[in-house]
Amino acid sequence: MIWLMRLPGLVATAIALAQCGAAADHPSAQFANELIEMQMYLPDPENGHYE
């Protein structure tokens, strides 16, 4: 039952993260094999990181 109380918070967090990720267009590299897929965001050439 405790998960039911946490569900609205988890949904709101997922929506917020999805919107933040969609707005940013940072350079990235994608790697995949038959077991795993991943996307790495490359560092900013000027600052070394994103804020």
N, C-alpha and C. Protein backbone atom coordinates (compact mmCIF):
# COMPACT_ATOMS: atom_id res chain seq x y z
N MET A 1 0.80 -1.20 0.00
CA MET A 1 0.00 0.00 0.00
C MET A 1 0.84 1.26 0.00
N ILE A 2 2.05 1.19 0.55
CA ILE A 2 2.87 2.40 0.61
C ILE A 2 3.26 2.87 -0.79
N TRP A 3 3.41 1.93 -1.72
CA TRP A 3 3.75 2.32 -3.08
C TRP A 3 2.64 3.15 -3.70
N LEU A 4 1.41 2.91 -3.28
CA LEU A 4 0.28 3.66 -3.81
C LEU A 4 0.35 5.13 -3.40
N MET A 5 0.87 5.38 -2.21
CA MET A 5 1.03 6.76 -1.75
C MET A 5 2.17 7.45 -2.48
N ARG A 6 3.17 6.70 -2.91
CA ARG A 6 4.33 7.28 -3.60
C ARG A 6 4.10 7.43 -5.10
N LEU A 7 3.10 6.81 -5.64
CA LEU A 7 2.85 6.81 -7.08
C LEU A 7 2.70 8.22 -7.67
N PRO A 8 1.91 9.13 -7.10
CA PRO A 8 1.79 10.47 -7.69
C PRO A 8 3.12 11.21 -7.74
N GLY A 9 3.95 11.05 -6.72
CA GLY A 9 5.26 11.69 -6.71
C GLY A 9 6.17 11.12 -7.78
N LEU A 10 6.13 9.81 -7.97
CA LEU A 10 6.95 9.18 -9.00
C LEU A 10 6.51 9.61 -10.40
N VAL A 11 5.22 9.69 -10.61
CA VAL A 11 4.70 10.12 -11.92
C VAL A 11 5.10 11.57 -12.19
N ALA A 12 4.97 12.44 -11.20
CA ALA A 12 5.35 13.85 -11.39
C ALA A 12 6.84 13.98 -11.67
N THR A 13 7.67 13.20 -10.99
CA THR A 13 9.11 13.22 -11.23
C THR A 13 9.44 12.74 -12.63
N ALA A 14 8.80 11.68 -13.07
CA ALA A 14 9.04 11.15 -14.41
C ALA A 14 8.66 12.16 -15.48
N ILE A 15 7.55 12.84 -15.31
CA ILE A 15 7.12 13.85 -16.28
C ILE A 15 8.10 15.01 -16.31
N ALA A 16 8.55 15.48 -15.15
CA ALA A 16 9.49 16.59 -15.08
C ALA A 16 10.81 16.23 -15.74
N LEU A 17 11.30 15.02 -15.48
CA LEU A 17 12.56 14.60 -16.10
C LEU A 17 12.42 14.45 -17.60
N ALA A 18 11.31 13.96 -18.07
CA ALA A 18 11.09 13.79 -19.50
C ALA A 18 11.07 15.14 -20.20
N GLN A 19 10.47 16.14 -19.58
CA GLN A 19 10.40 17.46 -20.19
C GLN A 19 11.77 18.12 -20.21
N CYS A 20 12.54 17.96 -19.16
CA CYS A 20 13.88 18.55 -19.11
C CYS A 20 14.78 17.91 -20.16
N GLY A 21 14.69 16.61 -20.28
CA GLY A 21 15.53 15.91 -21.25
C GLY A 21 15.16 16.24 -22.68
N ALA A 22 13.90 16.48 -22.95
CA ALA A 22 13.48 16.79 -24.31
C ALA A 22 13.88 18.19 -24.73
N ALA A 23 13.98 19.11 -23.78
CA ALA A 23 14.30 20.50 -24.11
C ALA A 23 15.77 20.67 -24.44
N ALA A 24 16.63 19.89 -23.86
CA ALA A 24 18.07 20.04 -24.06
C ALA A 24 18.50 19.25 -25.29
N ASP A 25 19.34 19.87 -26.09
CA ASP A 25 19.88 19.21 -27.27
C ASP A 25 21.40 19.19 -27.15
N HIS A 26 21.91 18.31 -26.30
CA HIS A 26 23.34 18.21 -26.06
C HIS A 26 23.94 17.12 -26.93
N PRO A 27 25.21 17.25 -27.29
CA PRO A 27 25.84 16.18 -28.07
C PRO A 27 25.91 14.90 -27.25
N SER A 28 25.67 13.78 -27.91
CA SER A 28 25.68 12.51 -27.21
C SER A 28 26.19 11.41 -28.12
N ALA A 29 26.52 10.30 -27.51
CA ALA A 29 26.94 9.10 -28.24
C ALA A 29 26.09 7.94 -27.73
N GLN A 30 25.70 7.06 -28.64
CA GLN A 30 24.87 5.92 -28.28
C GLN A 30 25.67 4.64 -28.50
N PHE A 31 25.55 3.73 -27.54
CA PHE A 31 26.21 2.44 -27.61
C PHE A 31 25.16 1.37 -27.37
N ALA A 32 25.29 0.26 -28.08
CA ALA A 32 24.32 -0.82 -27.90
C ALA A 32 24.95 -2.15 -28.30
N ASN A 33 24.49 -3.19 -27.64
CA ASN A 33 24.77 -4.56 -28.05
C ASN A 33 23.53 -5.39 -27.78
N GLU A 34 23.64 -6.69 -27.79
CA GLU A 34 22.43 -7.50 -27.62
C GLU A 34 21.91 -7.50 -26.18
N LEU A 35 22.68 -7.00 -25.23
CA LEU A 35 22.26 -7.00 -23.83
C LEU A 35 21.84 -5.63 -23.30
N ILE A 36 22.44 -4.57 -23.82
CA ILE A 36 22.24 -3.25 -23.20
C ILE A 36 22.27 -2.15 -24.27
N GLU A 37 21.54 -1.10 -24.01
CA GLU A 37 21.59 0.11 -24.82
C GLU A 37 21.86 1.27 -23.88
N MET A 38 22.74 2.20 -24.28
CA MET A 38 22.98 3.35 -23.43
C MET A 38 23.30 4.57 -24.27
N GLN A 39 23.04 5.72 -23.70
CA GLN A 39 23.32 6.99 -24.35
C GLN A 39 24.15 7.81 -23.38
N MET A 40 25.31 8.27 -23.83
CA MET A 40 26.18 9.10 -23.00
C MET A 40 26.17 10.51 -23.54
N TYR A 41 26.03 11.48 -22.64
CA TYR A 41 26.11 12.87 -23.04
C TYR A 41 27.55 13.31 -22.96
N LEU A 42 28.05 13.85 -24.06
CA LEU A 42 29.44 14.25 -24.15
C LEU A 42 29.66 15.59 -23.45
N PRO A 43 30.86 15.82 -22.93
CA PRO A 43 31.12 17.08 -22.21
C PRO A 43 31.09 18.28 -23.15
N ASP A 44 30.76 19.41 -22.58
CA ASP A 44 30.76 20.68 -23.29
C ASP A 44 32.21 21.04 -23.63
N PRO A 45 32.52 21.35 -24.89
CA PRO A 45 33.90 21.65 -25.25
C PRO A 45 34.47 22.87 -24.53
N GLU A 46 33.63 23.83 -24.18
CA GLU A 46 34.13 25.05 -23.53
C GLU A 46 34.22 24.91 -22.01
N ASN A 47 33.17 24.35 -21.39
CA ASN A 47 33.11 24.31 -19.93
C ASN A 47 33.43 22.93 -19.35
N GLY A 48 33.35 21.91 -20.16
CA GLY A 48 33.63 20.57 -19.67
C GLY A 48 32.42 19.86 -19.08
N HIS A 49 31.32 20.58 -18.83
CA HIS A 49 30.11 19.97 -18.27
C HIS A 49 28.90 20.86 -18.56
N TYR A 50 27.74 20.32 -18.32
CA TYR A 50 26.50 21.07 -18.51
C TYR A 50 25.89 21.39 -17.16
N GLU A 51 25.27 22.53 -17.06
CA GLU A 51 24.60 22.92 -15.81
C GLU A 51 23.12 23.04 -16.05
